[in-house]
């Protein structure tokens, strides 16, 4: 059994989504999760949907109570109305998608982009991940409009992965983080990351 709860931009909302016919959802390590909701169109019209509208998905096993599906929220990416079946199809992505569009917005001659041995880097893979996020979306971002520190908390460095190097000037942040994880795994230590909502 599944329940889906739409929320506003502040994460508020407790009314169940009506007319849910089918749900498919998948999450995996270091990859943007996706979900597809199929709904009866009896309850909704085009104005019902807002780009990046938030949803929480809850699942119940054969026995027990509903629990949240993944430690994440889901964002609406594409609503489609199907005339033949009189249904809405909602395509959602999880919180990791928030890292998908931002770039590592620094030139290759800076420490913010070039984290190679030649440039003085001797950081572990998990700490490099956090550095790239802090410097592009957090308190260390040079452009004030990119500083999401009031909304995004990055865990402290823990030095758990192997030392790796990376150059990432003007590359998508998510692909950079994934590449660092792949390098760490190639050295024998898998590294995982996620974006976890506070509520």
N, C-alpha and C. Protein backbone atom coordinates (compact mmCIF):
# COMPACT_ATOMS: atom_id res chain seq x y z
N UNK A 1 0.84 -1.19 0.00
CA UNK A 1 0.00 0.00 0.00
C UNK A 1 0.88 1.25 0.00
N UNK A 2 0.40 2.29 -0.67
CA UNK A 2 1.13 3.55 -0.73
C UNK A 2 0.19 4.71 -0.43
N UNK A 3 0.73 5.73 0.22
CA UNK A 3 0.09 7.02 0.36
C UNK A 3 1.04 8.09 -0.15
N UNK A 4 0.49 9.12 -0.78
CA UNK A 4 1.30 10.22 -1.29
C UNK A 4 0.73 11.52 -0.74
N UNK A 5 1.62 12.38 -0.22
CA UNK A 5 1.20 13.63 0.40
C UNK A 5 1.84 14.80 -0.36
N UNK A 6 1.06 15.64 -1.04
CA UNK A 6 1.63 16.86 -1.65
C UNK A 6 1.97 17.87 -0.56
N UNK A 7 3.02 18.65 -0.80
CA UNK A 7 3.45 19.67 0.15
C UNK A 7 3.74 20.98 -0.57
N UNK A 8 3.74 22.07 0.21
CA UNK A 8 4.13 23.35 -0.37
C UNK A 8 5.65 23.50 -0.29
N UNK A 9 6.16 24.67 -0.71
CA UNK A 9 7.60 24.88 -0.78
C UNK A 9 8.27 24.82 0.59
N UNK A 10 7.50 25.04 1.66
CA UNK A 10 8.03 24.97 3.02
C UNK A 10 7.90 23.58 3.64
N UNK A 11 7.44 22.63 2.84
CA UNK A 11 7.30 21.27 3.34
C UNK A 11 6.06 21.05 4.19
N UNK A 12 5.07 21.91 4.02
CA UNK A 12 3.85 21.77 4.81
C UNK A 12 2.75 21.15 3.95
N UNK A 13 1.94 20.33 4.58
CA UNK A 13 0.84 19.66 3.89
C UNK A 13 0.66 18.27 4.43
N UNK A 14 -0.58 17.90 4.70
CA UNK A 14 -0.84 16.57 5.26
C UNK A 14 -2.04 15.88 4.61
N UNK A 15 -2.55 16.45 3.51
CA UNK A 15 -3.70 15.85 2.82
C UNK A 15 -3.22 14.82 1.81
N UNK A 16 -3.84 13.66 1.80
CA UNK A 16 -3.43 12.61 0.87
C UNK A 16 -3.80 12.97 -0.56
N UNK A 17 -2.95 12.58 -1.48
CA UNK A 17 -3.24 12.70 -2.91
C UNK A 17 -4.40 11.77 -3.25
N UNK A 18 -5.40 12.30 -3.94
CA UNK A 18 -6.59 11.52 -4.27
C UNK A 18 -6.44 10.81 -5.61
N UNK A 19 -7.12 9.69 -5.73
CA UNK A 19 -7.20 9.00 -7.02
C UNK A 19 -5.93 8.29 -7.45
N UNK A 20 -5.08 7.92 -6.51
CA UNK A 20 -3.84 7.23 -6.86
C UNK A 20 -4.14 5.82 -7.37
N UNK A 21 -3.71 5.54 -8.60
CA UNK A 21 -3.96 4.24 -9.22
C UNK A 21 -2.72 3.35 -9.21
N UNK A 22 -1.57 3.96 -9.41
CA UNK A 22 -0.34 3.17 -9.51
C UNK A 22 0.85 4.04 -9.15
N UNK A 23 1.87 3.41 -8.59
CA UNK A 23 3.10 4.12 -8.29
C UNK A 23 4.29 3.22 -8.59
N UNK A 24 5.30 3.80 -9.22
CA UNK A 24 6.57 3.12 -9.46
C UNK A 24 7.67 4.05 -8.97
N UNK A 25 8.56 3.54 -8.14
CA UNK A 25 9.62 4.38 -7.59
C UNK A 25 10.90 3.56 -7.45
N UNK A 26 12.03 4.23 -7.66
CA UNK A 26 13.33 3.55 -7.55
C UNK A 26 14.38 4.55 -7.10
N UNK A 27 15.21 4.12 -6.15
CA UNK A 27 16.36 4.89 -5.71
C UNK A 27 17.57 3.96 -5.65
N UNK A 28 18.75 4.50 -5.97
CA UNK A 28 19.98 3.73 -5.84
C UNK A 28 21.10 4.66 -5.42
N UNK A 29 22.22 4.11 -5.03
CA UNK A 29 23.31 4.90 -4.49
C UNK A 29 23.85 5.89 -5.52
N UNK A 30 24.05 7.14 -5.08
CA UNK A 30 24.72 8.18 -5.87
C UNK A 30 24.03 8.47 -7.20
N UNK A 31 22.74 8.22 -7.27
CA UNK A 31 21.97 8.40 -8.51
C UNK A 31 20.64 9.06 -8.17
N UNK A 32 20.21 9.96 -9.03
CA UNK A 32 18.92 10.61 -8.81
C UNK A 32 17.81 9.56 -8.89
N UNK A 33 16.99 9.50 -7.85
CA UNK A 33 15.86 8.59 -7.84
C UNK A 33 14.69 9.14 -8.63
N UNK A 34 13.85 8.24 -9.13
CA UNK A 34 12.69 8.66 -9.94
C UNK A 34 11.46 7.92 -9.47
N UNK A 35 10.33 8.56 -9.66
CA UNK A 35 9.04 7.95 -9.33
C UNK A 35 8.02 8.40 -10.36
N UNK A 36 7.07 7.53 -10.65
CA UNK A 36 5.97 7.84 -11.56
C UNK A 36 4.66 7.54 -10.84
N UNK A 37 3.81 8.53 -10.76
CA UNK A 37 2.49 8.37 -10.16
C UNK A 37 1.44 8.40 -11.26
N UNK A 38 0.51 7.47 -11.20
CA UNK A 38 -0.62 7.47 -12.12
C UNK A 38 -1.88 7.74 -11.30
N UNK A 39 -2.63 8.79 -11.73
CA UNK A 39 -3.79 9.24 -10.97
C UNK A 39 -5.02 9.32 -11.87
N UNK A 40 -6.17 9.10 -11.29
CA UNK A 40 -7.41 9.40 -11.99
C UNK A 40 -7.51 10.91 -12.20
N UNK A 41 -7.99 11.33 -13.38
CA UNK A 41 -8.11 12.78 -13.63
C UNK A 41 -9.39 13.36 -13.03
N UNK A 42 -10.11 12.55 -12.31
CA UNK A 42 -11.37 13.01 -11.72
C UNK A 42 -11.15 14.15 -10.73
N UNK A 43 -10.00 14.17 -10.08
CA UNK A 43 -9.78 15.12 -8.98
C UNK A 43 -8.90 16.30 -9.35
N UNK A 44 -8.31 16.29 -10.57
CA UNK A 44 -7.28 17.28 -10.85
C UNK A 44 -7.45 17.90 -12.24
N UNK A 45 -6.88 19.11 -12.37
CA UNK A 45 -6.84 19.82 -13.64
C UNK A 45 -5.42 20.36 -13.82
N UNK A 46 -5.07 20.90 -14.99
CA UNK A 46 -3.69 21.34 -15.20
C UNK A 46 -3.17 22.31 -14.15
N UNK A 47 -4.02 23.17 -13.64
CA UNK A 47 -3.58 24.15 -12.65
C UNK A 47 -3.29 23.52 -11.29
N UNK A 48 -3.58 22.23 -11.14
CA UNK A 48 -3.30 21.55 -9.88
C UNK A 48 -1.81 21.35 -9.65
N UNK A 49 -1.03 21.41 -10.75
CA UNK A 49 0.38 21.04 -10.64
C UNK A 49 1.29 22.26 -10.77
N UNK A 50 2.32 22.29 -9.95
CA UNK A 50 3.29 23.38 -9.93
C UNK A 50 4.68 22.79 -10.17
N UNK A 51 5.50 23.39 -11.04
CA UNK A 51 6.86 22.86 -11.26
C UNK A 51 7.61 22.71 -9.94
N UNK A 52 8.25 21.57 -9.78
CA UNK A 52 9.03 21.25 -8.59
C UNK A 52 8.19 21.17 -7.31
N UNK A 53 6.90 20.97 -7.48
CA UNK A 53 6.05 20.73 -6.32
C UNK A 53 6.56 19.54 -5.53
N UNK A 54 6.50 19.64 -4.21
CA UNK A 54 7.05 18.59 -3.34
C UNK A 54 5.99 17.52 -3.04
N UNK A 55 6.47 16.28 -2.92
CA UNK A 55 5.63 15.17 -2.49
C UNK A 55 6.42 14.30 -1.51
N UNK A 56 5.72 13.71 -0.56
CA UNK A 56 6.28 12.64 0.25
C UNK A 56 5.51 11.37 -0.06
N UNK A 57 6.24 10.27 -0.15
CA UNK A 57 5.64 8.97 -0.46
C UNK A 57 5.81 8.06 0.75
N UNK A 58 4.73 7.42 1.13
CA UNK A 58 4.75 6.50 2.27
C UNK A 58 4.32 5.11 1.79
N UNK A 59 4.96 4.10 2.38
CA UNK A 59 4.68 2.72 1.99
C UNK A 59 4.38 1.88 3.23
N UNK A 60 3.45 0.96 3.09
CA UNK A 60 3.15 0.03 4.17
C UNK A 60 3.28 -1.40 3.67
N UNK A 61 4.02 -2.19 4.43
CA UNK A 61 4.14 -3.60 4.09
C UNK A 61 2.83 -4.31 4.46
N UNK A 62 2.81 -5.62 4.27
CA UNK A 62 1.58 -6.38 4.55
C UNK A 62 1.10 -6.14 5.98
N UNK A 63 2.03 -6.05 6.90
CA UNK A 63 1.70 -5.75 8.29
C UNK A 63 2.42 -4.45 8.69
N UNK A 64 1.81 -3.72 9.60
CA UNK A 64 2.49 -2.55 10.14
C UNK A 64 1.91 -1.24 9.65
N UNK A 65 2.60 -0.16 10.02
CA UNK A 65 2.13 1.18 9.70
C UNK A 65 2.88 1.72 8.48
N UNK A 66 2.43 2.86 7.98
CA UNK A 66 3.09 3.50 6.84
C UNK A 66 4.41 4.12 7.29
N UNK A 67 5.44 3.94 6.48
CA UNK A 67 6.73 4.58 6.71
C UNK A 67 7.16 5.29 5.44
N UNK A 68 7.94 6.35 5.60
CA UNK A 68 8.36 7.15 4.45
C UNK A 68 9.25 6.34 3.52
N UNK A 69 8.99 6.44 2.24
CA UNK A 69 9.77 5.72 1.23
C UNK A 69 11.07 6.46 0.96
N UNK A 70 12.17 5.93 1.47
CA UNK A 70 13.44 6.60 1.31
C UNK A 70 13.49 7.84 2.18
N UNK A 71 14.66 8.20 2.63
CA UNK A 71 14.80 9.41 3.45
C UNK A 71 14.92 10.60 2.50
N UNK A 72 13.81 10.91 1.83
CA UNK A 72 13.84 11.91 0.76
C UNK A 72 12.47 12.51 0.56
N UNK A 73 12.41 13.60 -0.17
CA UNK A 73 11.16 14.10 -0.72
C UNK A 73 11.30 14.07 -2.24
N UNK A 74 10.18 14.20 -2.91
CA UNK A 74 10.16 14.07 -4.37
C UNK A 74 9.64 15.36 -4.99
N UNK A 75 10.21 15.73 -6.14
CA UNK A 75 9.86 16.98 -6.81
C UNK A 75 9.24 16.68 -8.18
N UNK A 76 8.15 17.36 -8.46
CA UNK A 76 7.44 17.15 -9.73
C UNK A 76 8.25 17.74 -10.88
N UNK A 77 8.54 16.91 -11.87
CA UNK A 77 9.29 17.35 -13.04
C UNK A 77 8.43 17.43 -14.30
N UNK A 78 7.45 16.55 -14.40
CA UNK A 78 6.63 16.56 -15.63
C UNK A 78 5.27 15.93 -15.36
N UNK A 79 4.18 16.74 -15.45
CA UNK A 79 2.83 16.17 -15.41
C UNK A 79 2.31 15.97 -16.84
N UNK A 80 1.71 14.83 -17.09
CA UNK A 80 1.16 14.54 -18.43
C UNK A 80 -0.26 14.00 -18.27
N UNK A 81 -1.19 14.59 -19.03
CA UNK A 81 -2.56 14.10 -19.01
C UNK A 81 -2.77 13.18 -20.21
N UNK A 82 -3.33 11.98 -19.96
CA UNK A 82 -3.58 11.00 -21.01
C UNK A 82 -5.09 10.95 -21.27
N UNK A 83 -5.47 11.43 -22.45
CA UNK A 83 -6.89 11.51 -22.79
C UNK A 83 -7.53 10.12 -22.85
N UNK A 84 -6.84 9.16 -23.45
CA UNK A 84 -7.44 7.85 -23.68
C UNK A 84 -7.79 7.14 -22.37
N UNK A 85 -6.95 7.29 -21.37
CA UNK A 85 -7.17 6.60 -20.10
C UNK A 85 -7.75 7.51 -19.03
N UNK A 86 -7.88 8.80 -19.36
CA UNK A 86 -8.39 9.79 -18.39
C UNK A 86 -7.57 9.74 -17.10
N UNK A 87 -6.24 9.77 -17.28
CA UNK A 87 -5.35 9.73 -16.12
C UNK A 87 -4.28 10.80 -16.24
N UNK A 88 -3.74 11.17 -15.08
CA UNK A 88 -2.54 11.99 -15.00
C UNK A 88 -1.35 11.08 -14.70
N UNK A 89 -0.25 11.38 -15.36
CA UNK A 89 1.02 10.72 -15.07
C UNK A 89 2.00 11.78 -14.58
N UNK A 90 2.48 11.63 -13.34
CA UNK A 90 3.40 12.59 -12.73
C UNK A 90 4.78 11.97 -12.63
N UNK A 91 5.76 12.63 -13.25
CA UNK A 91 7.16 12.19 -13.16
C UNK A 91 7.84 12.99 -12.06
N UNK A 92 8.43 12.29 -11.09
CA UNK A 92 9.08 12.92 -9.94
C UNK A 92 10.55 12.53 -9.87
N UNK A 93 11.34 13.40 -9.24
CA UNK A 93 12.73 13.07 -8.92
C UNK A 93 12.99 13.40 -7.46
N UNK A 94 13.94 12.69 -6.84
CA UNK A 94 14.18 12.85 -5.41
C UNK A 94 15.11 14.03 -5.12
N UNK A 95 15.46 14.21 -3.84
CA UNK A 95 16.23 15.38 -3.43
C UNK A 95 17.62 15.45 -4.05
N UNK A 96 18.17 14.32 -4.44
CA UNK A 96 19.49 14.35 -5.06
C UNK A 96 19.48 15.13 -6.37
N UNK A 97 18.31 15.28 -6.97
CA UNK A 97 18.20 16.05 -8.21
C UNK A 97 18.56 17.52 -8.01
N UNK A 98 18.56 18.01 -6.77
CA UNK A 98 18.94 19.39 -6.49
C UNK A 98 20.39 19.67 -6.85
N UNK A 99 21.20 18.62 -6.96
CA UNK A 99 22.60 18.77 -7.33
C UNK A 99 22.84 18.59 -8.82
N UNK A 100 21.78 18.36 -9.57
CA UNK A 100 21.93 17.96 -10.96
C UNK A 100 22.28 19.12 -11.89
N UNK A 101 21.74 20.31 -11.64
CA UNK A 101 21.93 21.44 -12.56
C UNK A 101 23.07 22.38 -12.20
N UNK A 102 23.35 22.62 -10.91
CA UNK A 102 24.44 23.56 -10.59
C UNK A 102 25.78 23.11 -11.16
N UNK A 103 26.59 24.08 -11.56
CA UNK A 103 27.92 23.81 -12.09
C UNK A 103 28.97 24.09 -11.02
N UNK A 104 30.13 23.46 -11.18
CA UNK A 104 31.31 23.89 -10.43
C UNK A 104 31.78 25.16 -11.12
N UNK A 105 31.34 26.30 -10.61
CA UNK A 105 31.43 27.57 -11.35
C UNK A 105 32.74 28.30 -11.09
N UNK A 106 33.83 27.62 -11.38
CA UNK A 106 35.15 28.21 -11.18
C UNK A 106 36.07 27.79 -12.33
N UNK A 107 37.04 28.64 -12.62
CA UNK A 107 37.98 28.33 -13.68
C UNK A 107 38.98 27.26 -13.23
N UNK A 108 39.61 26.64 -14.20
CA UNK A 108 40.45 25.47 -13.92
C UNK A 108 41.71 25.82 -13.14
N UNK A 109 42.07 27.11 -13.06
CA UNK A 109 43.30 27.48 -12.35
C UNK A 109 43.07 27.79 -10.88
N UNK A 110 41.87 27.49 -10.37
CA UNK A 110 41.56 27.77 -8.97
C UNK A 110 41.50 26.48 -8.16
N UNK A 111 41.73 26.61 -6.85
CA UNK A 111 41.60 25.46 -5.96
C UNK A 111 40.16 24.98 -5.86
N UNK A 112 39.22 25.84 -6.20
CA UNK A 112 37.81 25.46 -6.14
C UNK A 112 37.46 24.43 -7.21
N UNK A 113 38.19 24.45 -8.32
CA UNK A 113 37.92 23.49 -9.40
C UNK A 113 38.99 22.41 -9.48
N UNK A 114 40.24 22.80 -9.25
CA UNK A 114 41.37 21.89 -9.43
C UNK A 114 41.78 21.31 -8.09
N UNK A 115 41.39 20.08 -7.85
CA UNK A 115 41.76 19.41 -6.61
C UNK A 115 42.66 18.22 -6.95
N UNK A 116 43.81 18.56 -7.55
CA UNK A 116 44.79 17.56 -7.95
C UNK A 116 46.01 17.61 -7.03
N UNK A 117 46.81 16.58 -7.09
CA UNK A 117 48.02 16.54 -6.27
C UNK A 117 48.94 17.71 -6.62
N UNK A 118 49.04 18.02 -7.91
CA UNK A 118 49.93 19.11 -8.33
C UNK A 118 49.49 20.45 -7.78
N UNK A 119 48.20 20.57 -7.48
CA UNK A 119 47.67 21.83 -6.96
C UNK A 119 47.58 21.82 -5.43
N UNK A 120 48.21 20.82 -4.82
CA UNK A 120 48.29 20.79 -3.37
C UNK A 120 47.20 19.99 -2.68
N UNK A 121 46.36 19.31 -3.44
CA UNK A 121 45.30 18.53 -2.80
C UNK A 121 45.84 17.21 -2.26
N UNK A 122 45.49 16.95 -1.02
CA UNK A 122 45.77 15.64 -0.42
C UNK A 122 44.55 15.19 0.39
N UNK A 123 43.36 15.51 -0.11
CA UNK A 123 42.13 15.25 0.64
C UNK A 123 41.54 13.90 0.28
N UNK A 124 40.84 13.32 1.25
CA UNK A 124 40.13 12.07 1.02
C UNK A 124 38.89 12.32 0.17
N UNK A 125 38.44 11.25 -0.49
CA UNK A 125 37.34 11.38 -1.45
C UNK A 125 36.08 11.95 -0.81
N UNK A 126 35.71 11.47 0.38
CA UNK A 126 34.48 11.95 1.01
C UNK A 126 34.59 13.42 1.36
N UNK A 127 35.79 13.90 1.71
CA UNK A 127 35.97 15.31 2.03
C UNK A 127 35.96 16.17 0.77
N UNK A 128 36.43 15.62 -0.35
CA UNK A 128 36.36 16.36 -1.62
C UNK A 128 34.91 16.58 -2.02
N UNK A 129 34.07 15.56 -1.84
CA UNK A 129 32.65 15.73 -2.13
C UNK A 129 32.08 16.93 -1.37
N UNK A 130 32.36 16.98 -0.08
CA UNK A 130 31.82 18.05 0.76
C UNK A 130 32.40 19.40 0.38
N UNK A 131 33.68 19.41 -0.01
CA UNK A 131 34.30 20.67 -0.42
C UNK A 131 33.62 21.24 -1.66
N UNK A 132 33.38 20.39 -2.65
CA UNK A 132 32.72 20.88 -3.86
C UNK A 132 31.32 21.42 -3.55
N UNK A 133 30.59 20.78 -2.65
CA UNK A 133 29.25 21.26 -2.31
C UNK A 133 29.35 22.58 -1.53
N UNK A 134 30.23 22.65 -0.55
CA UNK A 134 30.38 23.89 0.23
C UNK A 134 30.78 25.07 -0.66
N UNK A 135 31.66 24.81 -1.62
CA UNK A 135 32.21 25.88 -2.44
C UNK A 135 31.28 26.32 -3.56
N UNK A 136 30.26 25.50 -3.84
CA UNK A 136 29.35 25.84 -4.93
C UNK A 136 27.91 26.11 -4.48
N UNK A 137 27.52 25.50 -3.36
CA UNK A 137 26.16 25.70 -2.86
C UNK A 137 26.13 26.09 -1.39
N UNK A 138 27.28 26.16 -0.75
CA UNK A 138 27.32 26.37 0.68
C UNK A 138 28.02 27.65 1.08
N UNK A 139 28.49 27.68 2.33
CA UNK A 139 29.04 28.89 2.92
C UNK A 139 30.32 29.36 2.24
N UNK A 140 31.01 28.47 1.51
CA UNK A 140 32.26 28.85 0.86
C UNK A 140 32.07 29.29 -0.60
N UNK A 141 30.84 29.36 -1.07
CA UNK A 141 30.58 29.82 -2.44
C UNK A 141 30.97 31.29 -2.57
N UNK A 142 31.75 31.64 -3.59
CA UNK A 142 32.20 33.01 -3.76
C UNK A 142 31.08 33.93 -4.22
N UNK A 143 30.13 33.40 -4.99
CA UNK A 143 28.99 34.20 -5.43
C UNK A 143 27.89 34.12 -4.38
N UNK A 144 27.49 35.23 -3.79
CA UNK A 144 26.50 35.20 -2.70
C UNK A 144 25.20 34.52 -3.09
N UNK A 145 24.78 34.65 -4.34
CA UNK A 145 23.50 34.07 -4.75
C UNK A 145 23.55 32.54 -4.80
N UNK A 146 24.74 31.98 -4.76
CA UNK A 146 24.87 30.52 -4.76
C UNK A 146 24.97 29.94 -3.35
N UNK A 147 25.05 30.80 -2.37
CA UNK A 147 25.22 30.33 -0.99
C UNK A 147 23.87 29.91 -0.41
N UNK A 148 23.66 28.61 -0.32
CA UNK A 148 22.42 28.06 0.23
C UNK A 148 22.62 27.55 1.66
N UNK A 149 23.67 28.04 2.32
CA UNK A 149 23.98 27.56 3.67
C UNK A 149 22.81 27.67 4.64
N UNK A 150 21.95 28.70 4.54
CA UNK A 150 20.81 28.74 5.47
C UNK A 150 19.85 27.56 5.28
N UNK A 151 19.90 26.91 4.12
CA UNK A 151 18.97 25.83 3.81
C UNK A 151 19.66 24.48 3.64
N UNK A 152 20.97 24.50 3.50
CA UNK A 152 21.71 23.27 3.18
C UNK A 152 22.87 23.11 4.17
N UNK A 153 22.84 22.04 4.92
CA UNK A 153 23.90 21.75 5.88
C UNK A 153 24.78 20.63 5.33
N UNK A 154 26.08 20.85 5.30
CA UNK A 154 27.03 19.85 4.85
C UNK A 154 27.72 19.26 6.08
N UNK A 155 27.75 17.95 6.16
CA UNK A 155 28.37 17.29 7.30
C UNK A 155 29.86 17.64 7.40
N UNK A 156 30.39 17.54 8.61
CA UNK A 156 31.81 17.78 8.82
C UNK A 156 32.65 16.72 8.11
N UNK A 157 33.89 17.06 7.80
CA UNK A 157 34.80 16.11 7.18
C UNK A 157 35.11 14.96 8.14
N UNK A 158 35.21 13.77 7.58
CA UNK A 158 35.46 12.59 8.40
C UNK A 158 36.67 11.78 7.92
N UNK A 159 37.25 12.13 6.76
CA UNK A 159 38.50 11.52 6.29
C UNK A 159 38.39 10.00 6.17
N UNK A 160 37.31 9.50 5.59
CA UNK A 160 37.10 8.06 5.56
C UNK A 160 37.45 7.40 4.22
N UNK A 161 37.59 8.18 3.17
CA UNK A 161 37.86 7.58 1.87
C UNK A 161 39.32 7.65 1.50
N UNK A 162 39.68 7.08 0.37
CA UNK A 162 41.05 7.18 -0.11
C UNK A 162 41.32 8.59 -0.66
N UNK A 163 42.57 8.97 -0.70
CA UNK A 163 42.95 10.25 -1.30
C UNK A 163 42.81 10.14 -2.81
N UNK A 164 42.07 11.07 -3.41
CA UNK A 164 41.88 11.09 -4.86
C UNK A 164 42.10 12.52 -5.35
N UNK A 165 42.13 12.69 -6.65
CA UNK A 165 42.25 14.03 -7.23
C UNK A 165 41.20 14.22 -8.30
N UNK A 166 40.86 15.50 -8.53
CA UNK A 166 39.78 15.78 -9.47
C UNK A 166 39.93 17.18 -10.03
N UNK A 167 39.67 17.35 -11.33
CA UNK A 167 39.52 18.67 -11.94
C UNK A 167 38.08 18.76 -12.43
N UNK A 168 37.45 19.93 -12.22
CA UNK A 168 36.00 19.97 -12.45
C UNK A 168 35.50 21.34 -12.88
N UNK A 169 36.29 22.12 -13.57
CA UNK A 169 35.87 23.45 -13.94
C UNK A 169 34.62 23.42 -14.84
N UNK A 170 33.57 24.11 -14.40
CA UNK A 170 32.31 24.27 -15.14
C UNK A 170 31.69 22.93 -15.57
N UNK A 171 31.83 21.94 -14.73
CA UNK A 171 31.12 20.67 -14.92
C UNK A 171 29.93 20.62 -13.97
N UNK A 172 28.93 19.82 -14.32
CA UNK A 172 27.77 19.68 -13.45
C UNK A 172 28.19 19.07 -12.12
N UNK A 173 27.69 19.67 -11.06
CA UNK A 173 28.12 19.26 -9.72
C UNK A 173 27.84 17.79 -9.45
N UNK A 174 26.65 17.32 -9.80
CA UNK A 174 26.30 15.93 -9.51
C UNK A 174 27.23 14.96 -10.23
N UNK A 175 27.55 15.24 -11.48
CA UNK A 175 28.44 14.34 -12.23
C UNK A 175 29.84 14.36 -11.64
N UNK A 176 30.27 15.50 -11.11
CA UNK A 176 31.58 15.59 -10.46
C UNK A 176 31.60 14.71 -9.21
N UNK A 177 30.57 14.82 -8.39
CA UNK A 177 30.52 14.01 -7.17
C UNK A 177 30.49 12.52 -7.50
N UNK A 178 29.72 12.16 -8.51
CA UNK A 178 29.64 10.76 -8.91
C UNK A 178 30.99 10.25 -9.39
N UNK A 179 31.71 11.09 -10.13
CA UNK A 179 33.02 10.70 -10.64
C UNK A 179 34.01 10.48 -9.50
N UNK A 180 33.97 11.33 -8.49
CA UNK A 180 34.85 11.15 -7.32
C UNK A 180 34.55 9.82 -6.64
N UNK A 181 33.27 9.49 -6.52
CA UNK A 181 32.90 8.21 -5.90
C UNK A 181 33.39 7.02 -6.71
N UNK A 182 33.32 7.14 -8.02
CA UNK A 182 33.81 6.07 -8.88
C UNK A 182 35.32 5.89 -8.73
N UNK A 183 36.04 7.01 -8.61
CA UNK A 183 37.49 6.92 -8.40
C UNK A 183 37.81 6.25 -7.07
N UNK A 184 37.03 6.61 -6.04
CA UNK A 184 37.27 6.01 -4.71
C UNK A 184 36.99 4.52 -4.74
N UNK A 185 35.91 4.13 -5.41
CA UNK A 185 35.59 2.71 -5.50
C UNK A 185 36.68 1.95 -6.25
N UNK A 186 37.24 2.59 -7.29
CA UNK A 186 38.33 1.95 -8.02
C UNK A 186 39.56 1.72 -7.17
N UNK A 187 39.67 2.50 -6.09
CA UNK A 187 40.79 2.34 -5.16
C UNK A 187 40.43 1.45 -3.98
N UNK A 188 39.23 0.85 -4.05
CA UNK A 188 38.87 -0.15 -3.06
C UNK A 188 37.94 0.30 -1.95
N UNK A 189 37.51 1.59 -1.97
CA UNK A 189 36.63 2.09 -0.90
C UNK A 189 35.42 2.78 -1.51
N UNK A 190 34.26 2.13 -1.53
CA UNK A 190 33.05 2.80 -2.03
C UNK A 190 32.67 3.98 -1.14
N UNK A 191 32.24 5.07 -1.77
CA UNK A 191 31.80 6.28 -1.06
C UNK A 191 30.39 6.61 -1.55
N UNK A 192 29.51 6.98 -0.62
CA UNK A 192 28.12 7.28 -0.97
C UNK A 192 27.74 8.66 -0.44
N UNK A 193 26.85 9.33 -1.15
CA UNK A 193 26.38 10.65 -0.71
C UNK A 193 24.88 10.76 -1.01
N UNK A 194 24.26 11.69 -0.31
CA UNK A 194 22.82 11.91 -0.52
C UNK A 194 22.46 13.30 -0.03
N UNK A 195 21.30 13.79 -0.43
CA UNK A 195 20.72 15.01 0.11
C UNK A 195 19.50 14.61 0.91
N UNK A 196 19.52 14.85 2.20
CA UNK A 196 18.48 14.38 3.11
C UNK A 196 17.68 15.57 3.61
N UNK A 197 16.36 15.57 3.43
CA UNK A 197 15.56 16.70 3.91
C UNK A 197 15.50 16.72 5.43
N UNK A 198 15.40 17.92 5.99
CA UNK A 198 15.31 18.04 7.45
C UNK A 198 13.91 17.77 7.95
N UNK A 199 12.92 17.85 7.05
CA UNK A 199 11.53 17.57 7.46
C UNK A 199 10.74 17.06 6.27
